[in-house]
Amino acid sequence: LGLNFLSNATGWTILVASTVYAFG
C-alpha cells in the first residue's frame, strides 16, 4: 500500500505516503 501510495504522491502528500511506507 505504501509503495503504491508513493507512486502517486506529490507535494506534501509524500509525507503521508512516507508514513504508510514506514509502517510497512
PDB file of all heavy atoms in Angstrom:
ATOM      1  N   LEU A   1       0.827  -1.208   0.000  1.00  0.00           N
ATOM      2  CA  LEU A   1       0.000   0.000   0.000  1.00  0.00           C
ATOM      3  C   LEU A   1       0.863   1.259   0.000  1.00  0.00           C
ATOM      4  O   LEU A   1       0.591   2.214  -0.744  1.00  0.00           O
ATOM      5  CB  LEU A   1      -0.921  -0.007   1.226  1.00  0.00           C
ATOM      6  CG  LEU A   1      -2.039  -1.049   1.263  1.00  0.00           C
ATOM      7  CD1 LEU A   1      -2.780  -0.995   2.596  1.00  0.00           C
ATOM      8  CD2 LEU A   1      -3.015  -0.830   0.110  1.00  0.00           C
ATOM      9  N   GLY A   2       1.902   1.271   0.849  1.00  0.00           N
ATOM     10  CA  GLY A   2       2.762   2.439   0.946  1.00  0.00           C
ATOM     11  C   GLY A   2       3.484   2.751  -0.350  1.00  0.00           C
ATOM     12  O   GLY A   2       3.576   3.923  -0.758  1.00  0.00           O
ATOM     13  N   LEU A   3       3.996   1.728  -1.014  1.00  0.00           N
ATOM     14  CA  LEU A   3       4.722   1.944  -2.267  1.00  0.00           C
ATOM     15  C   LEU A   3       3.797   2.428  -3.377  1.00  0.00           C
ATOM     16  O   LEU A   3       4.160   3.309  -4.172  1.00  0.00           O
ATOM     17  CB  LEU A   3       5.428   0.645  -2.687  1.00  0.00           C
ATOM     18  CG  LEU A   3       6.655   0.290  -1.835  1.00  0.00           C
ATOM     19  CD1 LEU A   3       7.070  -1.154  -2.078  1.00  0.00           C
ATOM     20  CD2 LEU A   3       7.813   1.224  -2.140  1.00  0.00           C
ATOM     21  N   ASN A   4       2.579   1.877  -3.441  1.00  0.00           N
ATOM     22  CA  ASN A   4       1.626   2.356  -4.451  1.00  0.00           C
ATOM     23  C   ASN A   4       1.171   3.775  -4.146  1.00  0.00           C
ATOM     24  O   ASN A   4       0.934   4.570  -5.061  1.00  0.00           O
ATOM     25  CB  ASN A   4       0.420   1.406  -4.516  1.00  0.00           C
ATOM     26  CG  ASN A   4       0.713   0.158  -5.338  1.00  0.00           C
ATOM     27  OD1 ASN A   4       0.950   0.240  -6.536  1.00  0.00           O
ATOM     28  ND2 ASN A   4       0.720  -0.990  -4.698  1.00  0.00           N
ATOM     29  N   PHE A   5       1.083   4.107  -2.869  1.00  0.00           N
ATOM     30  CA  PHE A   5       0.762   5.477  -2.462  1.00  0.00           C
ATOM     31  C   PHE A   5       1.873   6.420  -2.907  1.00  0.00           C
ATOM     32  O   PHE A   5       1.626   7.496  -3.468  1.00  0.00           O
ATOM     33  CB  PHE A   5       0.571   5.510  -0.951  1.00  0.00           C
ATOM     34  CG  PHE A   5      -0.135   6.739  -0.431  1.00  0.00           C
ATOM     35  CD1 PHE A   5      -0.506   6.808   0.909  1.00  0.00           C
ATOM     36  CD2 PHE A   5      -0.436   7.827  -1.250  1.00  0.00           C
ATOM     37  CE1 PHE A   5      -1.143   7.940   1.421  1.00  0.00           C
ATOM     38  CE2 PHE A   5      -1.082   8.957  -0.745  1.00  0.00           C
ATOM     39  CZ  PHE A   5      -1.433   9.004   0.592  1.00  0.00           C
ATOM     40  N   LEU A   6       3.139   6.028  -2.680  1.00  0.00           N
ATOM     41  CA  LEU A   6       4.279   6.845  -3.097  1.00  0.00           C
ATOM     42  C   LEU A   6       4.300   7.065  -4.604  1.00  0.00           C
ATOM     43  O   LEU A   6       4.745   8.112  -5.085  1.00  0.00           O
ATOM     44  CB  LEU A   6       5.587   6.192  -2.652  1.00  0.00           C
ATOM     45  CG  LEU A   6       5.997   6.371  -1.191  1.00  0.00           C
ATOM     46  CD1 LEU A   6       7.160   5.456  -0.849  1.00  0.00           C
ATOM     47  CD2 LEU A   6       6.376   7.830  -0.906  1.00  0.00           C
ATOM     48  N   SER A   7       3.827   6.088  -5.363  1.00  0.00           N
ATOM     49  CA  SER A   7       3.867   6.197  -6.824  1.00  0.00           C
ATOM     50  C   SER A   7       2.931   7.291  -7.343  1.00  0.00           C
ATOM     51  O   SER A   7       3.060   7.732  -8.492  1.00  0.00           O
ATOM     52  CB  SER A   7       3.500   4.857  -7.468  1.00  0.00           C
ATOM     53  OG  SER A   7       2.124   4.561  -7.283  1.00  0.00           O
ATOM     54  N   ASN A   8       1.982   7.719  -6.505  1.00  0.00           N
ATOM     55  CA  ASN A   8       1.040   8.763  -6.917  1.00  0.00           C
ATOM     56  C   ASN A   8       1.162  10.037  -6.091  1.00  0.00           C
ATOM     57  O   ASN A   8       0.379  10.966  -6.262  1.00  0.00           O
ATOM     58  CB  ASN A   8      -0.400   8.234  -6.790  1.00  0.00           C
ATOM     59  CG  ASN A   8      -0.681   7.101  -7.764  1.00  0.00           C
ATOM     60  OD1 ASN A   8      -0.769   7.308  -8.967  1.00  0.00           O
ATOM     61  ND2 ASN A   8      -0.810   5.895  -7.240  1.00  0.00           N
ATOM     62  N   ALA A   9       2.152  10.069  -5.180  1.00  0.00           N
ATOM     63  CA  ALA A   9       2.253  11.191  -4.247  1.00  0.00           C
ATOM     64  C   ALA A   9       3.077  12.334  -4.814  1.00  0.00           C
ATOM     65  O   ALA A   9       4.124  12.122  -5.424  1.00  0.00           O
ATOM     66  CB  ALA A   9       2.862  10.713  -2.934  1.00  0.00           C
ATOM     67  N   THR A  10       2.616  13.544  -4.588  1.00  0.00           N
ATOM     68  CA  THR A  10       3.368  14.754  -4.917  1.00  0.00           C
ATOM     69  C   THR A  10       3.186  15.753  -3.775  1.00  0.00           C
ATOM     70  O   THR A  10       2.243  15.652  -2.991  1.00  0.00           O
ATOM     71  CB  THR A  10       2.885  15.394  -6.231  1.00  0.00           C
ATOM     72  OG1 THR A  10       1.486  15.717  -6.106  1.00  0.00           O
ATOM     73  CG2 THR A  10       3.080  14.455  -7.408  1.00  0.00           C
ATOM     74  N   GLY A  11       4.104  16.728  -3.696  1.00  0.00           N
ATOM     75  CA  GLY A  11       3.987  17.759  -2.683  1.00  0.00           C
ATOM     76  C   GLY A  11       3.979  17.180  -1.276  1.00  0.00           C
ATOM     77  O   GLY A  11       4.662  16.205  -0.976  1.00  0.00           O
ATOM     78  N   TRP A  12       3.150  17.762  -0.412  1.00  0.00           N
ATOM     79  CA  TRP A  12       3.100  17.336   0.988  1.00  0.00           C
ATOM     80  C   TRP A  12       2.420  15.982   1.170  1.00  0.00           C
ATOM     81  O   TRP A  12       2.520  15.380   2.238  1.00  0.00           O
ATOM     82  CB  TRP A  12       2.400  18.402   1.830  1.00  0.00           C
ATOM     83  CG  TRP A  12       3.266  19.596   2.064  1.00  0.00           C
ATOM     84  CD1 TRP A  12       3.200  20.796   1.424  1.00  0.00           C
ATOM     85  CD2 TRP A  12       4.356  19.697   2.978  1.00  0.00           C
ATOM     86  NE1 TRP A  12       4.175  21.654   1.878  1.00  0.00           N
ATOM     87  CE2 TRP A  12       4.900  20.999   2.850  1.00  0.00           C
ATOM     88  CE3 TRP A  12       4.939  18.822   3.894  1.00  0.00           C
ATOM     89  CZ2 TRP A  12       5.996  21.434   3.589  1.00  0.00           C
ATOM     90  CZ3 TRP A  12       6.023  19.262   4.650  1.00  0.00           C
ATOM     91  CH2 TRP A  12       6.533  20.549   4.489  1.00  0.00           C
ATOM     92  N   THR A  13       1.740  15.508   0.125  1.00  0.00           N
ATOM     93  CA  THR A  13       1.140  14.172   0.205  1.00  0.00           C
ATOM     94  C   THR A  13       2.221  13.112   0.401  1.00  0.00           C
ATOM     95  O   THR A  13       1.957  12.030   0.951  1.00  0.00           O
ATOM     96  CB  THR A  13       0.335  13.872  -1.087  1.00  0.00           C
ATOM     97  OG1 THR A  13      -0.560  14.936  -1.348  1.00  0.00           O
ATOM     98  CG2 THR A  13      -0.461  12.576  -0.946  1.00  0.00           C
ATOM     99  N   ILE A  14       3.443  13.402  -0.039  1.00  0.00           N
ATOM    100  CA  ILE A  14       4.556  12.474   0.129  1.00  0.00           C
ATOM    101  C   ILE A  14       4.780  12.176   1.613  1.00  0.00           C
ATOM    102  O   ILE A  14       5.162  11.058   1.973  1.00  0.00           O
ATOM    103  CB  ILE A  14       5.840  13.041  -0.516  1.00  0.00           C
ATOM    104  CG1 ILE A  14       5.693  13.068  -2.038  1.00  0.00           C
ATOM    105  CG2 ILE A  14       7.066  12.229  -0.123  1.00  0.00           C
ATOM    106  CD1 ILE A  14       6.848  13.718  -2.759  1.00  0.00           C
ATOM    107  N   LEU A  15       4.514  13.150   2.481  1.00  0.00           N
ATOM    108  CA  LEU A  15       4.683  12.945   3.922  1.00  0.00           C
ATOM    109  C   LEU A  15       3.754  11.830   4.416  1.00  0.00           C
ATOM    110  O   LEU A  15       4.171  10.951   5.174  1.00  0.00           O
ATOM    111  CB  LEU A  15       4.394  14.244   4.672  1.00  0.00           C
ATOM    112  CG  LEU A  15       4.506  14.196   6.200  1.00  0.00           C
ATOM    113  CD1 LEU A  15       5.952  13.906   6.619  1.00  0.00           C
ATOM    114  CD2 LEU A  15       4.024  15.508   6.817  1.00  0.00           C
ATOM    115  N   VAL A  16       2.510  11.850   3.953  1.00  0.00           N
ATOM    116  CA  VAL A  16       1.541  10.822   4.351  1.00  0.00           C
ATOM    117  C   VAL A  16       1.935   9.473   3.761  1.00  0.00           C
ATOM    118  O   VAL A  16       1.915   8.440   4.451  1.00  0.00           O
ATOM    119  CB  VAL A  16       0.119  11.213   3.903  1.00  0.00           C
ATOM    120  CG1 VAL A  16      -0.896  10.178   4.382  1.00  0.00           C
ATOM    121  CG2 VAL A  16      -0.246  12.598   4.413  1.00  0.00           C
ATOM    122  N   ALA A  17       2.308   9.471   2.488  1.00  0.00           N
ATOM    123  CA  ALA A  17       2.700   8.222   1.822  1.00  0.00           C
ATOM    124  C   ALA A  17       3.930   7.623   2.487  1.00  0.00           C
ATOM    125  O   ALA A  17       4.025   6.395   2.661  1.00  0.00           O
ATOM    126  CB  ALA A  17       2.968   8.482   0.344  1.00  0.00           C
ATOM    127  N   SER A  18       4.886   8.473   2.877  1.00  0.00           N
ATOM    128  CA  SER A  18       6.095   8.002   3.548  1.00  0.00           C
ATOM    129  C   SER A  18       5.768   7.377   4.901  1.00  0.00           C
ATOM    130  O   SER A  18       6.424   6.419   5.330  1.00  0.00           O
ATOM    131  CB  SER A  18       7.080   9.153   3.737  1.00  0.00           C
ATOM    132  OG  SER A  18       7.493   9.677   2.499  1.00  0.00           O
ATOM    133  N   THR A  19       4.750   7.921   5.576  1.00  0.00           N
ATOM    134  CA  THR A  19       4.339   7.366   6.862  1.00  0.00           C
ATOM    135  C   THR A  19       3.806   5.947   6.698  1.00  0.00           C
ATOM    136  O   THR A  19       4.160   5.041   7.463  1.00  0.00           O
ATOM    137  CB  THR A  19       3.255   8.259   7.510  1.00  0.00           C
ATOM    138  OG1 THR A  19       3.756   9.598   7.631  1.00  0.00           O
ATOM    139  CG2 THR A  19       2.866   7.735   8.879  1.00  0.00           C
ATOM    140  N   VAL A  20       2.945   5.749   5.704  1.00  0.00           N
ATOM    141  CA  VAL A  20       2.403   4.408   5.441  1.00  0.00           C
ATOM    142  C   VAL A  20       3.531   3.444   5.077  1.00  0.00           C
ATOM    143  O   VAL A  20       3.595   2.317   5.590  1.00  0.00           O
ATOM    144  CB  VAL A  20       1.355   4.448   4.307  1.00  0.00           C
ATOM    145  CG1 VAL A  20       0.834   3.042   3.992  1.00  0.00           C
ATOM    146  CG2 VAL A  20       0.195   5.370   4.675  1.00  0.00           C
ATOM    147  N   TYR A  21       4.422   3.907   4.207  1.00  0.00           N
ATOM    148  CA  TYR A  21       5.562   3.076   3.798  1.00  0.00           C
ATOM    149  C   TYR A  21       6.434   2.715   4.998  1.00  0.00           C
ATOM    150  O   TYR A  21       6.876   1.569   5.140  1.00  0.00           O
ATOM    151  CB  TYR A  21       6.381   3.829   2.748  1.00  0.00           C
ATOM    152  CG  TYR A  21       7.763   3.278   2.506  1.00  0.00           C
ATOM    153  CD1 TYR A  21       7.942   2.011   1.970  1.00  0.00           C
ATOM    154  CD2 TYR A  21       8.896   4.038   2.822  1.00  0.00           C
ATOM    155  CE1 TYR A  21       9.218   1.505   1.747  1.00  0.00           C
ATOM    156  CE2 TYR A  21      10.163   3.542   2.609  1.00  0.00           C
ATOM    157  CZ  TYR A  21      10.320   2.279   2.069  1.00  0.00           C
ATOM    158  OH  TYR A  21      11.576   1.783   1.857  1.00  0.00           O
ATOM    159  N   ALA A  22       6.659   3.674   5.910  1.00  0.00           N
ATOM    160  CA  ALA A  22       7.482   3.419   7.094  1.00  0.00           C
ATOM    161  C   ALA A  22       6.855   2.348   7.972  1.00  0.00           C
ATOM    162  O   ALA A  22       7.548   1.452   8.477  1.00  0.00           O
ATOM    163  CB  ALA A  22       7.675   4.712   7.893  1.00  0.00           C
ATOM    164  N   PHE A  23       5.545   2.414   8.167  1.00  0.00           N
ATOM    165  CA  PHE A  23       4.865   1.401   8.971  1.00  0.00           C
ATOM    166  C   PHE A  23       4.983   0.024   8.320  1.00  0.00           C
ATOM    167  O   PHE A  23       5.054  -0.995   9.010  1.00  0.00           O
ATOM    168  CB  PHE A  23       3.390   1.771   9.163  1.00  0.00           C
ATOM    169  CG  PHE A  23       3.145   2.681  10.328  1.00  0.00           C
ATOM    170  CD1 PHE A  23       3.316   4.060  10.206  1.00  0.00           C
ATOM    171  CD2 PHE A  23       2.744   2.181  11.547  1.00  0.00           C
ATOM    172  CE1 PHE A  23       3.101   4.908  11.281  1.00  0.00           C
ATOM    173  CE2 PHE A  23       2.530   3.020  12.630  1.00  0.00           C
ATOM    174  CZ  PHE A  23       2.709   4.387  12.496  1.00  0.00           C
ATOM    175  N   GLY A  24       4.993  -0.005   6.998  1.00  0.00           N
ATOM    176  CA  GLY A  24       5.103  -1.287   6.303  1.00  0.00           C
ATOM    177  C   GLY A  24       6.475  -1.907   6.396  1.00  0.00           C
ATOM    178  O   GLY A  24       6.614  -3.115   6.622  1.00  0.00           O
TER     179      GLY A  24
END
